[in-house]
Amino acid sequence: MTKQLTKKQKKEMLYNATMIAEGAMEPTPTMSYIQAWQHLVDTGVVWQLQGWFGRAAFRMISQGTIDPAPVTDEETPNNEDEQ
């Protein structure tokens, strides 16, 4: 059973990921440089930060270094209405 993170823990994880990706903080035993970028992509936050974050993430996804964010049911278009 996976323990859910608290809101505070999620904010701290996001902050750490951003600082590691930016190079302002060293990677930690629980989050590597690549894991930080993957977290930013998975949460969608990378696309809300300064432009270079998004461009760097796009480049890493294109090179296969990190994966694109998984598509959820909420993001899947519903084509039932199309004719």
C-alpha atoms as a PDB file:
ATOM      1  CA  MET A   1       0.000   0.000   0.000  1.00  0.00           C
ATOM      2  CA  THR A   2       1.481   3.338  -1.073  1.00  0.00           C
ATOM      3  CA  LYS A   3       1.335   6.179   1.413  1.00  0.00           C
ATOM      4  CA  GLN A   4      -0.207   9.378   0.030  1.00  0.00           C
ATOM      5  CA  LEU A   5       1.888  12.515   0.287  1.00  0.00           C
ATOM      6  CA  THR A   6       0.537  15.485   2.191  1.00  0.00           C
ATOM      7  CA  LYS A   7       0.009  18.800   0.421  1.00  0.00           C
ATOM      8  CA  LYS A   8       3.099  20.161   2.178  1.00  0.00           C
ATOM      9  CA  GLN A   9       5.195  17.172   1.062  1.00  0.00           C
ATOM     10  CA  LYS A  10       4.021  17.605  -2.541  1.00  0.00           C
ATOM     11  CA  LYS A  11       4.944  21.304  -2.490  1.00  0.00           C
ATOM     12  CA  GLU A  12       8.371  20.494  -1.034  1.00  0.00           C
ATOM     13  CA  MET A  13       8.957  17.803  -3.659  1.00  0.00           C
ATOM     14  CA  LEU A  14       8.013  20.228  -6.435  1.00  0.00           C
ATOM     15  CA  TYR A  15      10.262  22.937  -4.987  1.00  0.00           C
ATOM     16  CA  ASN A  16      13.189  20.507  -4.723  1.00  0.00           C
ATOM     17  CA  ALA A  17      12.627  19.239  -8.277  1.00  0.00           C
ATOM     18  CA  THR A  18      12.632  22.806  -9.606  1.00  0.00           C
ATOM     19  CA  MET A  19      15.787  23.757  -7.700  1.00  0.00           C
ATOM     20  CA  ILE A  20      17.607  20.577  -8.794  1.00  0.00           C
ATOM     21  CA  ALA A  21      16.585  21.057 -12.439  1.00  0.00           C
ATOM     22  CA  GLU A  22      17.717  24.681 -12.319  1.00  0.00           C
ATOM     23  CA  GLY A  23      21.047  23.695 -10.790  1.00  0.00           C
ATOM     24  CA  ALA A  24      20.463  25.772  -7.650  1.00  0.00           C
ATOM     25  CA  MET A  25      20.422  22.629  -5.497  1.00  0.00           C
ATOM     26  CA  GLU A  26      22.416  19.417  -5.645  1.00  0.00           C
ATOM     27  CA  PRO A  27      20.498  16.203  -6.406  1.00  0.00           C
ATOM     28  CA  THR A  28      19.500  14.347  -3.258  1.00  0.00           C
ATOM     29  CA  PRO A  29      19.550  10.637  -2.396  1.00  0.00           C
ATOM     30  CA  THR A  30      15.802  10.580  -3.095  1.00  0.00           C
ATOM     31  CA  MET A  31      15.804  12.707  -6.279  1.00  0.00           C
ATOM     32  CA  SER A  32      18.377  12.670  -9.083  1.00  0.00           C
ATOM     33  CA  TYR A  33      18.702  15.326 -11.788  1.00  0.00           C
ATOM     34  CA  ILE A  34      16.739  13.201 -14.281  1.00  0.00           C
ATOM     35  CA  GLN A  35      14.083  12.327 -11.696  1.00  0.00           C
ATOM     36  CA  ALA A  36      13.660  16.035 -10.974  1.00  0.00           C
ATOM     37  CA  TRP A  37      12.995  16.808 -14.638  1.00  0.00           C
ATOM     38  CA  GLN A  38      10.666  13.797 -14.928  1.00  0.00           C
ATOM     39  CA  HIS A  39       8.700  15.018 -11.914  1.00  0.00           C
ATOM     40  CA  LEU A  40       8.333  18.483 -13.424  1.00  0.00           C
ATOM     41  CA  VAL A  41       7.054  16.957 -16.674  1.00  0.00           C
ATOM     42  CA  ASP A  42       4.729  14.472 -14.942  1.00  0.00           C
ATOM     43  CA  THR A  43       3.126  17.236 -12.868  1.00  0.00           C
ATOM     44  CA  GLY A  44       2.864  19.588 -15.850  1.00  0.00           C
ATOM     45  CA  VAL A  45       4.612  22.335 -13.920  1.00  0.00           C
ATOM     46  CA  VAL A  46       7.520  22.434 -16.368  1.00  0.00           C
ATOM     47  CA  TRP A  47       5.221  24.067 -18.949  1.00  0.00           C
ATOM     48  CA  GLN A  48       4.267  26.815 -16.476  1.00  0.00           C
ATOM     49  CA  LEU A  49       7.824  27.822 -15.560  1.00  0.00           C
ATOM     50  CA  GLN A  50      10.187  30.091 -17.494  1.00  0.00           C
ATOM     51  CA  GLY A  51      10.530  29.206 -21.166  1.00  0.00           C
ATOM     52  CA  TRP A  52      13.906  27.531 -20.925  1.00  0.00           C
ATOM     53  CA  PHE A  53      12.478  24.869 -18.597  1.00  0.00           C
ATOM     54  CA  GLY A  54       9.943  23.843 -21.236  1.00  0.00           C
ATOM     55  CA  ARG A  55      12.509  23.935 -24.047  1.00  0.00           C
ATOM     56  CA  ALA A  56      14.948  21.827 -22.018  1.00  0.00           C
ATOM     57  CA  ALA A  57      12.199  19.350 -21.107  1.00  0.00           C
ATOM     58  CA  PHE A  58      11.092  19.101 -24.736  1.00  0.00           C
ATOM     59  CA  ARG A  59      14.694  18.430 -25.783  1.00  0.00           C
ATOM     60  CA  MET A  60      15.115  15.726 -23.097  1.00  0.00           C
ATOM     61  CA  ILE A  61      11.833  14.079 -24.137  1.00  0.00           C
ATOM     62  CA  SER A  62      12.906  14.179 -27.813  1.00  0.00           C
ATOM     63  CA  GLN A  63      16.257  12.597 -26.934  1.00  0.00           C
ATOM     64  CA  GLY A  64      14.596   9.887 -24.832  1.00  0.00           C
ATOM     65  CA  THR A  65      16.237  11.038 -21.602  1.00  0.00           C
ATOM     66  CA  ILE A  66      12.856  11.460 -19.917  1.00  0.00           C
ATOM     67  CA  ASP A  67       9.361  10.298 -20.822  1.00  0.00           C
ATOM     68  CA  PRO A  68       6.414  12.484 -21.781  1.00  0.00           C
ATOM     69  CA  ALA A  69       3.781  12.853 -19.079  1.00  0.00           C
ATOM     70  CA  PRO A  70       1.389   9.922 -19.026  1.00  0.00           C
ATOM     71  CA  VAL A  71      -1.986  10.628 -20.611  1.00  0.00           C
ATOM     72  CA  THR A  72      -4.851  10.364 -18.150  1.00  0.00           C
ATOM     73  CA  ASP A  73      -8.495   9.627 -18.897  1.00  0.00           C
ATOM     74  CA  GLU A  74      -9.252  13.307 -18.249  1.00  0.00           C
ATOM     75  CA  GLU A  75      -6.908  14.341 -21.073  1.00  0.00           C
ATOM     76  CA  THR A  76      -8.095  11.767 -23.600  1.00  0.00           C
ATOM     77  CA  PRO A  77     -10.409  13.408 -26.124  1.00  0.00           C
ATOM     78  CA  ASN A  78     -13.874  11.970 -26.366  1.00  0.00           C
ATOM     79  CA  ASN A  79     -14.694  11.514 -30.041  1.00  0.00           C
ATOM     80  CA  GLU A  80     -18.249  10.277 -29.516  1.00  0.00           C
ATOM     81  CA  ASP A  81     -19.696  13.705 -30.429  1.00  0.00           C
ATOM     82  CA  GLU A  82     -17.834  13.894 -33.764  1.00  0.00           C
ATOM     83  CA  GLN A  83     -19.693  12.889 -36.900  1.00  0.00           C
END
